[in-house]
Amino acid sequence: MSMALIPLLLTIVATSAALYLRHTEWAAASLWASRIAYSTLVLQAPLYFLHRGGYRVSPPACEWTFGLDLAIYSLTNYAHIVLFGVLFLLTFAQLRGVPRQIMCSAAVTLAVGLLVELAQGASGQHHCRMRDLVPDSVGALWGATAVWAVTAISDFRRRVRP
């Protein structure tokens, strides 16, 4: 397993525990631990590329080219779609009680995607391509769809059961 996945796995475990314990006496402590893990994950994402580049930073050389062909091609970047879908769900869980929770989660998810792309360009590690925001957006949309589906199912079950 890659060392880069450890913060993601810790965040998933901490967030799952916080959701499970949210109606118990451990709710505050588990939410605190979940938010620490989430913050570590979000900070680790751009810092990973800066670390790999030896913290030598230069102005980001990014590809700003967009087009339908490139957008369709970028949709084959399944890793971005899955990772940013998971990031959306983790962000959504952290923003419990925030007005417009889905919109805020999508905005944070895309902001992290932009930071990752800029860190790739500034560090010289990987390629800074703004078209990679397309699969990031699809991942956020996938996460939002999952949230809407679970919400609709739970609302339906609540109406059916008196």
Protein backbone atom coordinates (compact mmCIF):
# COMPACT_ATOMS: atom_id res chain seq x y z
CA MET A 1 0.00 0.00 0.00
CA SER A 2 1.25 3.46 -0.87
CA MET A 3 2.13 5.76 2.02
CA ALA A 4 0.10 8.49 0.30
CA LEU A 5 -3.10 6.52 0.94
CA ILE A 6 -2.66 6.39 4.72
CA PRO A 7 -4.23 9.84 5.39
CA LEU A 8 -7.17 8.91 3.15
CA LEU A 9 -7.75 5.64 4.98
CA LEU A 10 -7.42 7.30 8.39
CA THR A 11 -9.91 9.97 7.35
CA ILE A 12 -12.40 7.38 6.11
CA VAL A 13 -12.13 5.43 9.38
CA ALA A 14 -12.38 8.56 11.57
CA THR A 15 -15.33 9.97 9.61
CA SER A 16 -17.14 6.62 9.66
CA ALA A 17 -16.61 6.40 13.43
CA ALA A 18 -17.88 9.96 13.89
CA LEU A 19 -21.02 9.20 11.88
CA TYR A 20 -21.59 5.99 13.83
CA LEU A 21 -21.07 7.66 17.22
CA ARG A 22 -22.91 10.91 16.47
CA HIS A 23 -25.80 10.16 18.88
CA THR A 24 -23.65 8.93 21.76
CA GLU A 25 -21.58 10.52 24.50
CA TRP A 26 -18.55 10.11 22.21
CA ALA A 27 -19.99 12.37 19.50
CA ALA A 28 -17.88 15.45 20.25
CA ALA A 29 -14.60 13.54 20.56
CA SER A 30 -15.22 11.49 17.42
CA LEU A 31 -16.19 14.58 15.41
CA TRP A 32 -13.03 16.33 16.62
CA ALA A 33 -10.86 13.35 15.58
CA SER A 34 -12.66 13.18 12.24
CA ARG A 35 -12.02 16.86 11.53
CA ILE A 36 -8.34 16.55 12.45
CA ALA A 37 -7.99 13.59 10.06
CA TYR A 38 -9.90 15.44 7.32
CA SER A 39 -7.73 18.55 7.71
CA THR A 40 -4.62 16.39 7.49
CA LEU A 41 -5.91 14.80 4.29
CA VAL A 42 -6.76 18.13 2.64
CA LEU A 43 -3.39 19.63 3.57
CA GLN A 44 -1.52 16.47 2.56
CA ALA A 45 -2.93 16.50 -0.98
CA PRO A 46 -1.02 19.56 -2.30
CA LEU A 47 1.93 19.14 0.08
CA TYR A 48 2.56 15.64 -1.28
CA PHE A 49 3.65 17.03 -4.66
CA LEU A 50 5.71 19.81 -3.10
CA HIS A 51 7.51 17.22 -0.96
CA ARG A 52 8.19 15.01 -3.99
CA GLY A 53 9.69 18.01 -5.75
CA GLY A 54 12.00 18.72 -2.81
CA TYR A 55 10.03 21.87 -1.89
CA ARG A 56 11.58 23.65 -4.87
CA VAL A 57 8.77 25.85 -6.04
CA SER A 58 8.54 27.67 -9.34
CA PRO A 59 5.64 29.46 -11.01
CA PRO A 60 3.16 26.78 -12.06
CA ALA A 61 3.37 25.83 -15.71
CA CYS A 62 -0.18 24.68 -16.31
CA GLU A 63 -2.05 23.59 -19.41
CA TRP A 64 -5.16 25.73 -19.57
CA THR A 65 -6.42 24.12 -22.78
CA PHE A 66 -10.03 23.01 -22.74
CA GLY A 67 -12.10 21.48 -25.46
CA LEU A 68 -14.70 18.79 -25.89
CA ASP A 69 -12.16 16.22 -27.08
CA LEU A 70 -9.84 16.87 -24.13
CA ALA A 71 -12.76 16.87 -21.70
CA ILE A 72 -13.95 13.50 -22.97
CA TYR A 73 -10.41 12.14 -22.86
CA SER A 74 -9.95 13.37 -19.29
CA LEU A 75 -13.00 11.35 -18.25
CA THR A 76 -10.82 8.25 -18.58
CA ASN A 77 -8.94 9.44 -15.48
CA TYR A 78 -10.87 7.08 -13.21
CA ALA A 79 -8.53 7.64 -10.25
CA HIS A 80 -9.51 11.33 -10.13
CA ILE A 81 -13.21 10.50 -10.41
CA VAL A 82 -13.12 7.99 -7.56
CA LEU A 83 -10.80 9.96 -5.27
CA PHE A 84 -12.69 13.21 -5.66
CA GLY A 85 -16.01 11.41 -5.24
CA VAL A 86 -14.72 10.07 -1.92
CA LEU A 87 -13.37 13.52 -1.03
CA PHE A 88 -16.82 15.00 -1.70
CA LEU A 89 -18.45 12.46 0.62
CA LEU A 90 -15.87 13.09 3.35
CA THR A 91 -16.35 16.85 2.98
CA PHE A 92 -20.12 16.46 3.11
CA ALA A 93 -19.81 14.51 6.37
CA GLN A 94 -17.63 17.28 7.87
CA LEU A 95 -20.06 20.07 6.97
CA ARG A 96 -23.03 18.69 8.88
CA GLY A 97 -25.51 21.47 9.67
CA VAL A 98 -24.00 23.94 7.20
CA PRO A 99 -26.56 25.64 4.94
CA ARG A 100 -26.26 24.45 1.33
CA GLN A 101 -24.13 21.54 2.43
CA ILE A 102 -23.94 19.97 -1.04
CA MET A 103 -22.87 23.21 -2.73
CA CYS A 104 -20.23 23.90 -0.08
CA SER A 105 -18.95 20.33 -0.36
CA ALA A 106 -18.69 20.65 -4.14
CA ALA A 107 -16.87 23.99 -3.83
CA VAL A 108 -14.35 22.59 -1.33
CA THR A 109 -13.81 19.49 -3.47
CA LEU A 110 -13.08 21.54 -6.59
CA ALA A 111 -10.87 23.95 -4.62
CA VAL A 112 -8.78 21.00 -3.42
CA GLY A 113 -8.59 19.77 -7.03
CA LEU A 114 -7.35 23.19 -8.14
CA LEU A 115 -4.77 23.29 -5.32
CA VAL A 116 -3.52 19.83 -6.29
CA GLU A 117 -3.13 20.88 -9.93
CA LEU A 118 -1.30 24.08 -8.97
CA ALA A 119 0.96 22.13 -6.58
CA GLN A 120 1.77 19.70 -9.39
CA GLY A 121 2.75 22.61 -11.64
CA ALA A 122 4.69 24.50 -8.96
CA SER A 123 6.67 21.44 -7.89
CA GLY A 124 7.32 20.05 -11.36
CA GLN A 125 5.87 16.72 -10.25
CA HIS A 126 3.27 15.30 -12.66
CA HIS A 127 1.44 17.64 -15.00
CA CYS A 128 -0.65 20.66 -14.09
CA ARG A 129 -3.64 20.30 -16.39
CA MET A 130 -6.76 22.29 -15.73
CA ARG A 131 -8.68 19.74 -17.75
CA ASP A 132 -8.17 17.39 -14.78
CA LEU A 133 -10.83 19.47 -13.05
CA VAL A 134 -13.35 17.78 -15.37
CA PRO A 135 -13.01 14.32 -13.74
CA ASP A 136 -12.78 16.06 -10.35
CA SER A 137 -16.17 17.65 -11.09
CA VAL A 138 -17.58 14.31 -12.18
CA GLY A 139 -16.35 12.79 -8.90
CA ALA A 140 -18.08 15.59 -6.97
CA LEU A 141 -21.25 15.03 -9.01
CA TRP A 142 -21.04 11.30 -8.30
CA GLY A 143 -20.73 12.07 -4.58
CA ALA A 144 -23.66 14.49 -4.69
CA THR A 145 -25.76 11.89 -6.51
CA ALA A 146 -24.93 9.35 -3.80
CA VAL A 147 -25.97 11.86 -1.10
CA TRP A 148 -29.22 12.69 -2.90
CA ALA A 149 -30.02 8.99 -3.36
CA VAL A 150 -29.38 8.12 0.30
CA THR A 151 -31.38 11.16 1.43
CA ALA A 152 -34.31 10.26 -0.83
CA ILE A 153 -34.30 6.64 0.34
CA SER A 154 -34.17 7.61 4.02
CA ASP A 155 -36.96 10.19 3.54
CA PHE A 156 -39.07 7.57 1.77
CA ARG A 157 -38.46 5.02 4.54
CA ARG A 158 -39.37 7.61 7.17
CA ARG A 159 -42.66 8.38 5.41
CA VAL A 160 -43.54 4.71 4.96
CA ARG A 161 -42.85 3.82 8.60
CA PRO A 162 -45.07 5.74 11.01
